[in-house]
N, C-alpha and C. Protein backbone atom coordinates (compact mmCIF):
# COMPACT_ATOMS: atom_id res chain seq x y z
N UNK A 1 -10.10 23.09 20.08
CA UNK A 1 -8.67 23.03 19.97
C UNK A 1 -8.21 24.24 19.13
N UNK A 2 -7.26 24.98 19.64
CA UNK A 2 -6.73 26.17 18.96
C UNK A 2 -5.63 25.76 17.99
N UNK A 3 -5.55 26.42 16.82
CA UNK A 3 -4.44 26.12 15.93
C UNK A 3 -3.11 26.52 16.55
N UNK A 4 -2.08 25.73 16.31
CA UNK A 4 -0.76 26.04 16.84
C UNK A 4 -0.14 27.22 16.12
N UNK A 5 -0.40 27.33 14.81
CA UNK A 5 0.14 28.41 14.00
C UNK A 5 -0.99 29.01 13.17
N UNK A 6 -0.95 30.30 12.89
CA UNK A 6 -1.98 30.89 12.05
C UNK A 6 -2.05 30.19 10.70
N UNK A 7 -3.27 29.94 10.23
CA UNK A 7 -3.47 29.30 8.94
C UNK A 7 -3.53 27.78 9.00
N UNK A 8 -3.17 27.19 10.12
CA UNK A 8 -3.26 25.74 10.26
C UNK A 8 -4.47 25.41 11.13
N UNK A 9 -5.39 24.65 10.55
CA UNK A 9 -6.57 24.29 11.33
C UNK A 9 -6.24 23.13 12.25
N UNK A 10 -6.87 23.10 13.41
CA UNK A 10 -6.61 21.98 14.33
C UNK A 10 -7.19 20.70 13.73
N UNK A 11 -6.47 19.63 13.90
CA UNK A 11 -6.92 18.35 13.36
C UNK A 11 -6.47 17.25 14.30
N UNK A 12 -7.43 16.49 14.84
CA UNK A 12 -7.00 15.40 15.70
C UNK A 12 -6.22 14.37 14.90
N UNK A 13 -5.16 13.89 15.45
CA UNK A 13 -4.34 12.87 14.80
C UNK A 13 -3.95 11.82 15.83
N UNK A 14 -3.61 10.65 15.34
CA UNK A 14 -3.22 9.55 16.21
C UNK A 14 -1.80 9.14 15.81
N UNK A 15 -0.92 9.04 16.81
CA UNK A 15 0.44 8.58 16.56
C UNK A 15 0.51 7.09 16.84
N UNK A 16 1.09 6.36 15.90
CA UNK A 16 1.21 4.91 16.01
C UNK A 16 2.69 4.58 16.02
N UNK A 17 3.10 3.70 16.92
CA UNK A 17 4.48 3.21 16.85
C UNK A 17 4.45 1.69 16.78
N UNK A 18 5.62 1.07 16.77
CA UNK A 18 5.70 -0.37 16.58
C UNK A 18 5.11 -1.15 17.75
N UNK A 19 4.82 -0.48 18.87
CA UNK A 19 4.23 -1.15 20.04
C UNK A 19 2.73 -0.92 20.17
N UNK A 20 2.18 -0.05 19.35
CA UNK A 20 0.77 0.32 19.44
C UNK A 20 -0.14 -0.88 19.19
N UNK A 21 -1.26 -0.89 19.86
CA UNK A 21 -2.32 -1.86 19.62
C UNK A 21 -3.62 -1.10 19.53
N UNK A 22 -4.29 -1.07 18.40
CA UNK A 22 -3.93 -1.80 17.19
C UNK A 22 -2.67 -1.22 16.56
N UNK A 23 -1.92 -2.09 15.86
CA UNK A 23 -0.68 -1.65 15.24
C UNK A 23 -0.94 -1.15 13.82
N UNK A 24 0.11 -0.73 13.14
CA UNK A 24 -0.03 -0.17 11.80
C UNK A 24 -0.78 -1.13 10.88
N UNK A 25 -0.41 -2.40 10.91
CA UNK A 25 -1.02 -3.37 10.02
C UNK A 25 -2.53 -3.47 10.25
N UNK A 26 -2.97 -3.49 11.52
CA UNK A 26 -4.39 -3.57 11.83
C UNK A 26 -5.14 -2.30 11.44
N UNK A 27 -4.52 -1.15 11.67
CA UNK A 27 -5.15 0.13 11.31
C UNK A 27 -5.31 0.21 9.79
N UNK A 28 -4.26 -0.13 9.05
CA UNK A 28 -4.32 -0.09 7.59
C UNK A 28 -5.42 -1.04 7.09
N UNK A 29 -5.45 -2.25 7.62
CA UNK A 29 -6.44 -3.24 7.20
C UNK A 29 -7.87 -2.79 7.46
N UNK A 30 -8.11 -2.20 8.62
CA UNK A 30 -9.46 -1.74 8.94
C UNK A 30 -9.87 -0.57 8.06
N UNK A 31 -8.95 0.37 7.83
CA UNK A 31 -9.27 1.49 6.94
C UNK A 31 -9.52 0.99 5.51
N UNK A 32 -8.75 0.02 5.06
CA UNK A 32 -8.94 -0.54 3.72
C UNK A 32 -10.31 -1.19 3.61
N UNK A 33 -10.71 -1.90 4.64
CA UNK A 33 -12.01 -2.58 4.65
C UNK A 33 -13.16 -1.58 4.48
N UNK A 34 -12.99 -0.37 4.99
CA UNK A 34 -14.05 0.64 4.98
C UNK A 34 -13.96 1.61 3.80
N UNK A 35 -12.92 1.49 2.97
CA UNK A 35 -12.66 2.51 1.95
C UNK A 35 -12.72 1.93 0.55
N UNK A 36 -13.63 2.43 -0.28
CA UNK A 36 -13.66 1.95 -1.67
C UNK A 36 -12.47 2.43 -2.50
N UNK A 37 -11.80 3.51 -2.04
CA UNK A 37 -10.67 4.05 -2.80
C UNK A 37 -9.47 4.25 -1.88
N UNK A 38 -8.32 3.74 -2.34
CA UNK A 38 -7.08 3.85 -1.58
C UNK A 38 -6.01 4.38 -2.53
N UNK A 39 -5.20 5.31 -2.06
CA UNK A 39 -4.10 5.86 -2.85
C UNK A 39 -2.84 5.85 -1.98
N UNK A 40 -1.86 5.02 -2.36
CA UNK A 40 -0.62 4.89 -1.60
C UNK A 40 0.55 5.47 -2.37
N UNK A 41 1.48 6.05 -1.64
CA UNK A 41 2.76 6.48 -2.20
C UNK A 41 3.84 5.92 -1.29
N UNK A 42 4.51 4.89 -1.76
CA UNK A 42 5.53 4.22 -0.96
C UNK A 42 6.82 4.16 -1.76
N UNK A 43 7.92 4.44 -1.10
CA UNK A 43 9.20 4.48 -1.78
C UNK A 43 9.51 3.13 -2.42
N UNK A 44 9.36 2.07 -1.65
CA UNK A 44 9.61 0.72 -2.16
C UNK A 44 8.49 -0.19 -1.73
N UNK A 45 8.14 -1.12 -2.59
CA UNK A 45 7.16 -2.14 -2.24
C UNK A 45 7.88 -3.47 -2.18
N UNK A 46 7.74 -4.12 -1.06
CA UNK A 46 8.23 -5.50 -0.96
C UNK A 46 6.99 -6.37 -0.85
N UNK A 47 6.74 -7.12 -1.90
CA UNK A 47 5.57 -7.97 -1.98
C UNK A 47 5.47 -8.90 -0.78
N UNK A 48 6.62 -9.36 -0.30
CA UNK A 48 6.62 -10.30 0.81
C UNK A 48 6.14 -9.68 2.11
N UNK A 49 6.17 -8.36 2.22
CA UNK A 49 5.77 -7.73 3.48
C UNK A 49 4.35 -7.17 3.45
N UNK A 50 3.75 -7.02 2.27
CA UNK A 50 2.39 -6.46 2.19
C UNK A 50 1.40 -7.56 2.49
N UNK A 51 0.86 -7.53 3.69
CA UNK A 51 0.00 -8.60 4.18
C UNK A 51 -1.43 -8.09 4.28
N UNK A 52 -2.13 -8.06 3.15
CA UNK A 52 -3.54 -7.68 3.15
C UNK A 52 -4.37 -8.90 2.78
N UNK A 53 -5.52 -9.04 3.42
CA UNK A 53 -6.37 -10.19 3.14
C UNK A 53 -7.42 -9.84 2.09
N UNK A 54 -8.02 -10.87 1.51
CA UNK A 54 -9.11 -10.67 0.55
C UNK A 54 -10.26 -9.92 1.22
N UNK A 55 -10.51 -10.20 2.46
CA UNK A 55 -11.58 -9.53 3.19
C UNK A 55 -11.32 -8.02 3.29
N UNK A 56 -10.08 -7.65 3.52
CA UNK A 56 -9.74 -6.24 3.70
C UNK A 56 -9.81 -5.45 2.40
N UNK A 57 -9.51 -6.08 1.28
CA UNK A 57 -9.56 -5.36 0.00
C UNK A 57 -10.75 -5.78 -0.86
N UNK A 58 -11.64 -6.56 -0.29
CA UNK A 58 -12.79 -7.08 -1.05
C UNK A 58 -13.70 -6.01 -1.62
N UNK A 59 -13.89 -4.90 -0.92
CA UNK A 59 -14.79 -3.86 -1.42
C UNK A 59 -14.03 -2.68 -2.02
N UNK A 60 -12.72 -2.80 -2.15
CA UNK A 60 -11.93 -1.73 -2.75
C UNK A 60 -12.21 -1.70 -4.25
N UNK A 61 -12.57 -0.53 -4.75
CA UNK A 61 -12.84 -0.34 -6.17
C UNK A 61 -11.62 0.22 -6.90
N UNK A 62 -10.81 1.00 -6.20
CA UNK A 62 -9.63 1.61 -6.80
C UNK A 62 -8.51 1.67 -5.77
N UNK A 63 -7.40 1.01 -6.10
CA UNK A 63 -6.22 1.00 -5.23
C UNK A 63 -5.05 1.46 -6.09
N UNK A 64 -4.69 2.73 -5.94
CA UNK A 64 -3.60 3.32 -6.73
C UNK A 64 -2.32 3.31 -5.90
N UNK A 65 -1.29 2.70 -6.45
CA UNK A 65 -0.02 2.58 -5.74
C UNK A 65 1.05 3.30 -6.54
N UNK A 66 1.70 4.26 -5.91
CA UNK A 66 2.86 4.95 -6.47
C UNK A 66 4.11 4.39 -5.82
N UNK A 67 5.11 4.08 -6.64
CA UNK A 67 6.42 3.68 -6.13
C UNK A 67 7.46 4.56 -6.81
N UNK A 68 8.59 4.76 -6.15
CA UNK A 68 9.61 5.57 -6.82
C UNK A 68 10.22 4.80 -7.97
N UNK A 69 10.51 3.54 -7.75
CA UNK A 69 11.01 2.72 -8.84
C UNK A 69 10.70 1.27 -8.55
N UNK A 70 10.73 0.46 -9.59
CA UNK A 70 10.39 -0.94 -9.47
C UNK A 70 11.45 -1.75 -10.19
N UNK A 71 12.04 -2.71 -9.51
CA UNK A 71 13.05 -3.57 -10.11
C UNK A 71 12.37 -4.89 -10.49
N UNK A 72 12.24 -5.14 -11.79
CA UNK A 72 11.53 -6.32 -12.28
C UNK A 72 12.19 -7.61 -11.82
N UNK A 73 13.53 -7.65 -11.83
CA UNK A 73 14.22 -8.87 -11.41
C UNK A 73 13.98 -9.18 -9.94
N UNK A 74 14.03 -8.15 -9.10
CA UNK A 74 13.78 -8.36 -7.67
C UNK A 74 12.34 -8.79 -7.42
N UNK A 75 11.38 -8.15 -8.12
CA UNK A 75 9.97 -8.51 -7.95
C UNK A 75 9.72 -9.93 -8.39
N UNK A 76 10.33 -10.34 -9.50
CA UNK A 76 10.17 -11.70 -10.00
C UNK A 76 10.70 -12.71 -8.97
N UNK A 77 11.89 -12.47 -8.45
CA UNK A 77 12.48 -13.38 -7.46
C UNK A 77 11.63 -13.44 -6.19
N UNK A 78 11.12 -12.28 -5.79
CA UNK A 78 10.29 -12.24 -4.58
C UNK A 78 8.96 -12.98 -4.79
N UNK A 79 8.34 -12.78 -5.95
CA UNK A 79 7.07 -13.46 -6.25
C UNK A 79 7.25 -14.97 -6.25
N UNK A 80 8.34 -15.44 -6.83
CA UNK A 80 8.61 -16.89 -6.85
C UNK A 80 8.83 -17.43 -5.44
N UNK A 81 9.56 -16.68 -4.64
CA UNK A 81 9.81 -17.13 -3.26
C UNK A 81 8.51 -17.18 -2.46
N UNK A 82 7.65 -16.19 -2.64
CA UNK A 82 6.39 -16.16 -1.90
C UNK A 82 5.50 -17.33 -2.32
N UNK A 83 5.46 -17.63 -3.61
CA UNK A 83 4.62 -18.73 -4.10
C UNK A 83 5.03 -20.06 -3.47
N UNK A 84 6.27 -20.19 -3.06
CA UNK A 84 6.72 -21.45 -2.46
C UNK A 84 6.45 -21.52 -0.96
N UNK A 85 5.91 -20.45 -0.39
CA UNK A 85 5.60 -20.40 1.04
C UNK A 85 4.08 -20.47 1.21
N UNK A 86 3.54 -21.60 1.69
CA UNK A 86 2.09 -21.76 1.78
C UNK A 86 1.38 -20.66 2.60
N UNK A 87 2.07 -20.08 3.58
CA UNK A 87 1.44 -19.04 4.40
C UNK A 87 1.26 -17.73 3.66
N UNK A 88 2.12 -17.48 2.65
CA UNK A 88 2.09 -16.19 1.96
C UNK A 88 1.73 -16.30 0.49
N UNK A 89 1.55 -17.51 -0.02
CA UNK A 89 1.36 -17.72 -1.46
C UNK A 89 0.14 -16.98 -2.01
N UNK A 90 -0.92 -16.84 -1.21
CA UNK A 90 -2.14 -16.18 -1.70
C UNK A 90 -1.90 -14.74 -2.14
N UNK A 91 -0.86 -14.09 -1.61
CA UNK A 91 -0.60 -12.68 -1.93
C UNK A 91 -0.37 -12.47 -3.41
N UNK A 92 0.37 -13.38 -4.04
CA UNK A 92 0.67 -13.24 -5.46
C UNK A 92 -0.63 -13.26 -6.26
N UNK A 93 -1.48 -14.22 -5.99
CA UNK A 93 -2.76 -14.32 -6.70
C UNK A 93 -3.68 -13.15 -6.42
N UNK A 94 -3.71 -12.70 -5.18
CA UNK A 94 -4.58 -11.58 -4.80
C UNK A 94 -4.18 -10.32 -5.56
N UNK A 95 -2.91 -9.99 -5.57
CA UNK A 95 -2.48 -8.76 -6.25
C UNK A 95 -2.61 -8.89 -7.77
N UNK A 96 -2.37 -10.08 -8.30
CA UNK A 96 -2.56 -10.30 -9.74
C UNK A 96 -4.03 -10.09 -10.11
N UNK A 97 -4.94 -10.63 -9.29
CA UNK A 97 -6.37 -10.47 -9.55
C UNK A 97 -6.80 -9.00 -9.47
N UNK A 98 -6.30 -8.28 -8.46
CA UNK A 98 -6.64 -6.86 -8.34
C UNK A 98 -6.18 -6.09 -9.58
N UNK A 99 -4.98 -6.40 -10.08
CA UNK A 99 -4.47 -5.76 -11.29
C UNK A 99 -5.32 -6.15 -12.50
N UNK A 100 -5.62 -7.43 -12.60
CA UNK A 100 -6.39 -7.92 -13.75
C UNK A 100 -7.79 -7.32 -13.79
N UNK A 101 -8.41 -7.17 -12.63
CA UNK A 101 -9.76 -6.60 -12.55
C UNK A 101 -9.78 -5.09 -12.76
N UNK A 102 -8.60 -4.48 -12.80
CA UNK A 102 -8.53 -3.03 -12.94
C UNK A 102 -8.78 -2.28 -11.65
N UNK A 103 -8.83 -3.02 -10.53
CA UNK A 103 -9.06 -2.36 -9.23
C UNK A 103 -7.77 -1.85 -8.63
N UNK A 104 -6.63 -2.38 -9.08
CA UNK A 104 -5.33 -1.89 -8.63
C UNK A 104 -4.57 -1.35 -9.83
N UNK A 105 -3.95 -0.20 -9.63
CA UNK A 105 -3.07 0.38 -10.63
C UNK A 105 -1.75 0.71 -9.94
N UNK A 106 -0.66 0.50 -10.67
CA UNK A 106 0.66 0.79 -10.11
C UNK A 106 1.40 1.69 -11.08
N UNK A 107 1.92 2.79 -10.56
CA UNK A 107 2.71 3.70 -11.37
C UNK A 107 4.04 3.96 -10.68
N UNK A 108 5.04 4.21 -11.51
CA UNK A 108 6.37 4.52 -11.00
C UNK A 108 6.67 6.00 -11.24
N UNK A 109 7.20 6.64 -10.23
CA UNK A 109 7.54 8.07 -10.30
C UNK A 109 8.96 8.28 -9.81
N UNK A 110 9.96 7.83 -10.59
CA UNK A 110 11.34 7.91 -10.11
C UNK A 110 11.83 9.34 -9.87
N UNK A 111 11.19 10.33 -10.50
CA UNK A 111 11.61 11.72 -10.30
C UNK A 111 10.61 12.48 -9.42
N UNK A 112 9.61 11.81 -8.90
CA UNK A 112 8.55 12.51 -8.17
C UNK A 112 8.58 12.28 -6.67
N UNK A 113 9.72 12.17 -6.07
CA UNK A 113 9.88 11.76 -4.68
C UNK A 113 8.93 12.37 -3.67
N UNK A 114 8.81 11.73 -2.55
CA UNK A 114 7.98 12.17 -1.43
C UNK A 114 8.59 11.66 -0.15
N UNK A 115 8.24 12.28 0.91
CA UNK A 115 8.69 11.84 2.22
C UNK A 115 7.74 12.40 3.26
N UNK A 116 7.23 11.59 4.15
CA UNK A 116 7.39 10.14 4.24
C UNK A 116 6.38 9.45 3.33
N UNK A 117 6.38 8.11 3.38
CA UNK A 117 5.36 7.34 2.67
C UNK A 117 4.00 7.72 3.23
N UNK A 118 2.96 7.61 2.38
CA UNK A 118 1.61 7.93 2.86
C UNK A 118 0.56 7.17 2.08
N UNK A 119 -0.59 6.96 2.72
CA UNK A 119 -1.74 6.32 2.09
C UNK A 119 -2.98 7.11 2.45
N UNK A 120 -3.77 7.43 1.42
CA UNK A 120 -5.03 8.15 1.60
C UNK A 120 -6.18 7.17 1.42
N UNK A 121 -7.11 7.18 2.35
CA UNK A 121 -8.30 6.33 2.30
C UNK A 121 -9.50 7.22 2.03
N UNK A 122 -10.29 6.85 1.01
CA UNK A 122 -11.42 7.69 0.61
C UNK A 122 -12.70 6.90 0.58
N UNK A 123 -13.79 7.57 0.95
CA UNK A 123 -15.12 7.01 0.85
C UNK A 123 -15.86 7.64 -0.31
N UNK A 124 -17.15 7.43 -0.41
CA UNK A 124 -17.94 7.98 -1.52
C UNK A 124 -17.90 9.51 -1.58
N UNK A 125 -17.71 10.16 -0.44
CA UNK A 125 -17.70 11.62 -0.40
C UNK A 125 -16.29 12.22 -0.43
N UNK A 126 -15.28 11.41 -0.68
CA UNK A 126 -13.92 11.93 -0.77
C UNK A 126 -13.02 11.39 0.32
N UNK A 127 -11.80 11.97 0.42
CA UNK A 127 -10.81 11.50 1.38
C UNK A 127 -11.30 11.60 2.83
N UNK A 128 -11.03 10.53 3.59
CA UNK A 128 -11.46 10.50 4.99
C UNK A 128 -10.28 10.42 5.96
N UNK A 129 -9.19 9.76 5.54
CA UNK A 129 -8.06 9.55 6.46
C UNK A 129 -6.77 9.42 5.66
N UNK A 130 -5.67 9.78 6.32
CA UNK A 130 -4.35 9.59 5.72
C UNK A 130 -3.41 9.00 6.77
N UNK A 131 -2.72 7.95 6.37
CA UNK A 131 -1.66 7.34 7.20
C UNK A 131 -0.33 7.81 6.64
N UNK A 132 0.49 8.44 7.45
CA UNK A 132 1.81 8.88 7.00
C UNK A 132 2.87 8.22 7.87
N UNK A 133 4.04 8.03 7.31
CA UNK A 133 5.14 7.45 8.08
C UNK A 133 5.48 6.07 7.59
N UNK A 134 6.10 5.29 8.46
CA UNK A 134 6.53 3.95 8.08
C UNK A 134 5.32 3.13 7.63
N UNK A 135 5.49 2.36 6.58
CA UNK A 135 4.45 1.44 6.11
C UNK A 135 5.00 0.04 6.25
N UNK A 136 4.82 -0.54 7.42
CA UNK A 136 5.39 -1.84 7.73
C UNK A 136 4.29 -2.77 8.19
N UNK A 137 4.13 -3.89 7.51
CA UNK A 137 3.05 -4.82 7.82
C UNK A 137 3.51 -6.02 8.64
N UNK A 138 4.78 -6.35 8.54
CA UNK A 138 5.26 -7.57 9.19
C UNK A 138 5.33 -7.42 10.70
N UNK A 139 5.14 -8.53 11.37
CA UNK A 139 5.27 -8.59 12.82
C UNK A 139 6.25 -9.71 13.15
N UNK A 140 7.10 -9.55 14.12
CA UNK A 140 7.36 -8.31 14.86
C UNK A 140 8.15 -7.32 14.02
N UNK A 141 8.11 -6.05 14.42
CA UNK A 141 8.87 -5.02 13.74
C UNK A 141 10.35 -5.36 13.89
N UNK A 142 11.14 -5.31 12.80
CA UNK A 142 12.49 -5.90 12.83
C UNK A 142 13.61 -5.02 13.39
N UNK A 143 13.33 -3.79 13.77
CA UNK A 143 14.40 -2.92 14.24
C UNK A 143 14.21 -2.58 15.71
N UNK A 144 15.27 -2.14 16.35
CA UNK A 144 15.22 -1.84 17.78
C UNK A 144 14.58 -0.50 18.08
N UNK A 145 14.74 0.46 17.18
CA UNK A 145 14.24 1.81 17.44
C UNK A 145 12.78 1.97 17.10
N UNK A 146 12.23 3.15 17.38
CA UNK A 146 10.81 3.38 17.12
C UNK A 146 10.52 3.48 15.63
N UNK A 147 9.32 3.07 15.25
CA UNK A 147 8.81 3.21 13.89
C UNK A 147 7.51 3.98 14.01
N UNK A 148 7.52 5.24 13.60
CA UNK A 148 6.40 6.12 13.84
C UNK A 148 5.56 6.32 12.58
N UNK A 149 4.26 6.31 12.78
CA UNK A 149 3.31 6.64 11.73
C UNK A 149 2.22 7.48 12.38
N UNK A 150 1.54 8.26 11.55
CA UNK A 150 0.50 9.14 12.06
C UNK A 150 -0.76 8.94 11.24
N UNK A 151 -1.89 8.93 11.91
CA UNK A 151 -3.19 8.83 11.26
C UNK A 151 -3.91 10.15 11.47
N UNK A 152 -4.28 10.81 10.36
CA UNK A 152 -4.97 12.10 10.44
C UNK A 152 -6.21 12.05 9.55
N UNK A 153 -7.08 13.01 9.75
CA UNK A 153 -8.37 13.01 9.08
C UNK A 153 -8.64 14.36 8.43
N UNK A 154 -9.81 14.50 7.83
CA UNK A 154 -10.29 15.79 7.34
C UNK A 154 -9.37 16.48 6.35
N UNK A 155 -8.99 17.73 6.71
CA UNK A 155 -8.16 18.55 5.81
C UNK A 155 -6.85 17.86 5.46
N UNK A 156 -6.25 17.15 6.41
CA UNK A 156 -4.99 16.46 6.15
C UNK A 156 -5.17 15.40 5.06
N UNK A 157 -6.26 14.65 5.12
CA UNK A 157 -6.53 13.62 4.12
C UNK A 157 -6.77 14.25 2.75
N UNK A 158 -7.47 15.36 2.71
CA UNK A 158 -7.73 16.04 1.43
C UNK A 158 -6.44 16.60 0.83
N UNK A 159 -5.58 17.16 1.67
CA UNK A 159 -4.29 17.67 1.18
C UNK A 159 -3.44 16.54 0.62
N UNK A 160 -3.35 15.44 1.35
CA UNK A 160 -2.55 14.30 0.89
C UNK A 160 -3.11 13.72 -0.41
N UNK A 161 -4.43 13.69 -0.54
CA UNK A 161 -5.05 13.18 -1.78
C UNK A 161 -4.68 14.07 -2.97
N UNK A 162 -4.69 15.39 -2.78
CA UNK A 162 -4.30 16.30 -3.86
C UNK A 162 -2.84 16.07 -4.26
N UNK A 163 -1.96 15.93 -3.27
CA UNK A 163 -0.54 15.72 -3.57
C UNK A 163 -0.32 14.38 -4.27
N UNK A 164 -1.03 13.34 -3.85
CA UNK A 164 -0.92 12.04 -4.50
C UNK A 164 -1.33 12.17 -5.97
N UNK A 165 -2.43 12.86 -6.22
CA UNK A 165 -2.92 13.01 -7.60
C UNK A 165 -1.90 13.74 -8.47
N UNK A 166 -1.24 14.76 -7.91
CA UNK A 166 -0.22 15.50 -8.67
C UNK A 166 0.92 14.58 -9.11
N UNK A 167 1.38 13.73 -8.20
CA UNK A 167 2.47 12.81 -8.54
C UNK A 167 1.96 11.75 -9.52
N UNK A 168 0.75 11.25 -9.27
CA UNK A 168 0.14 10.21 -10.11
C UNK A 168 0.07 10.66 -11.58
N UNK A 169 -0.32 11.90 -11.78
CA UNK A 169 -0.47 12.42 -13.14
C UNK A 169 0.85 12.45 -13.90
N UNK A 170 1.97 12.53 -13.19
CA UNK A 170 3.29 12.60 -13.82
C UNK A 170 3.99 11.24 -13.89
N UNK A 171 3.41 10.22 -13.28
CA UNK A 171 4.06 8.91 -13.18
C UNK A 171 3.71 8.04 -14.39
N UNK A 172 4.48 6.96 -14.59
CA UNK A 172 4.17 6.08 -15.71
C UNK A 172 3.70 4.71 -15.20
N UNK A 173 2.83 4.11 -16.00
CA UNK A 173 2.13 2.88 -15.64
C UNK A 173 3.07 1.68 -15.70
N UNK A 174 3.20 0.97 -14.57
CA UNK A 174 3.99 -0.26 -14.55
C UNK A 174 3.11 -1.45 -14.18
N UNK A 175 1.80 -1.22 -14.07
CA UNK A 175 0.87 -2.28 -13.71
C UNK A 175 0.93 -3.49 -14.62
N UNK A 176 0.91 -3.31 -15.98
CA UNK A 176 0.98 -4.49 -16.85
C UNK A 176 2.25 -5.31 -16.64
N UNK A 177 3.37 -4.66 -16.40
CA UNK A 177 4.62 -5.39 -16.15
C UNK A 177 4.53 -6.17 -14.85
N UNK A 178 3.95 -5.56 -13.81
CA UNK A 178 3.80 -6.26 -12.53
C UNK A 178 2.86 -7.44 -12.70
N UNK A 179 1.74 -7.24 -13.40
CA UNK A 179 0.79 -8.33 -13.64
C UNK A 179 1.48 -9.49 -14.34
N UNK A 180 2.29 -9.19 -15.34
CA UNK A 180 3.00 -10.22 -16.09
C UNK A 180 3.95 -11.02 -15.18
N UNK A 181 4.66 -10.33 -14.32
CA UNK A 181 5.59 -11.00 -13.39
C UNK A 181 4.82 -11.90 -12.43
N UNK A 182 3.72 -11.40 -11.88
CA UNK A 182 2.93 -12.19 -10.94
C UNK A 182 2.29 -13.39 -11.63
N UNK A 183 1.82 -13.20 -12.85
CA UNK A 183 1.22 -14.31 -13.60
C UNK A 183 2.25 -15.39 -13.89
N UNK A 184 3.45 -14.97 -14.23
CA UNK A 184 4.53 -15.93 -14.50
C UNK A 184 4.85 -16.74 -13.24
N UNK A 185 4.86 -16.08 -12.09
CA UNK A 185 5.12 -16.78 -10.83
C UNK A 185 4.00 -17.77 -10.52
N UNK A 186 2.75 -17.39 -10.81
CA UNK A 186 1.61 -18.30 -10.59
C UNK A 186 1.71 -19.52 -11.50
N UNK A 187 2.04 -19.30 -12.78
CA UNK A 187 2.18 -20.43 -13.72
C UNK A 187 3.30 -21.36 -13.28
N UNK A 188 4.41 -20.78 -12.86
CA UNK A 188 5.54 -21.59 -12.40
C UNK A 188 5.17 -22.44 -11.20
N UNK A 189 4.40 -21.87 -10.27
CA UNK A 189 3.97 -22.62 -9.09
C UNK A 189 3.04 -23.76 -9.48
N UNK A 190 2.13 -23.50 -10.43
CA UNK A 190 1.21 -24.56 -10.90
C UNK A 190 1.98 -25.71 -11.55
N UNK A 191 2.94 -25.36 -12.40
CA UNK A 191 3.74 -26.40 -13.06
C UNK A 191 4.52 -27.23 -12.06
N UNK A 192 5.05 -26.59 -11.02
CA UNK A 192 5.79 -27.33 -9.99
C UNK A 192 4.86 -28.29 -9.25
N UNK A 193 3.62 -27.85 -8.95
CA UNK A 193 2.67 -28.72 -8.26
C UNK A 193 2.32 -29.92 -9.14
N UNK A 194 2.12 -29.67 -10.45
CA UNK A 194 1.76 -30.76 -11.37
C UNK A 194 2.89 -31.75 -11.55
N UNK A 195 4.12 -31.28 -11.59
CA UNK A 195 5.26 -32.16 -11.80
C UNK A 195 5.71 -32.85 -10.52
N UNK A 196 5.32 -32.28 -9.37
CA UNK A 196 5.77 -32.84 -8.09
C UNK A 196 4.82 -33.81 -7.58
């Protein structure tokens, strides 16, 4: 494959849209299952939409999540709502455990913007793949128009990993605050079960 422009090496990439099979959620889950290190940069995180299983993140040693900003009140309300839904309640405990074990770190970079959202998946020898574009886990996709994401490998993954690290170094740690909110939601759910 010839480079399109001088200085750009050819790199096979896969385009994913909301109709693709496997879809974004399946691709992300499979890459997570195979990657001990994950680095995400997402503008907003909605806990209710991040649908990862224990199996998919079971071998993850480091999951670094960058967000532009985090609203504690919204996260608290969302965590409480999820805990009351038996189909999604495990998410609160899973993310709390990942934070508690030190396998997940969350930093906020309100001045370090990026576009589009991206996630780098790395193995023992470094970055292997990068997913860029919409990061949507829920099914069905809620909008009428296309939702595009791209999966690339090699040089693209290494470039994205370097850029993630640059933002990460300038961001501030919000992991303890998130852990506290999730723990409070777990305690509240336990008390409701005991009193009910």
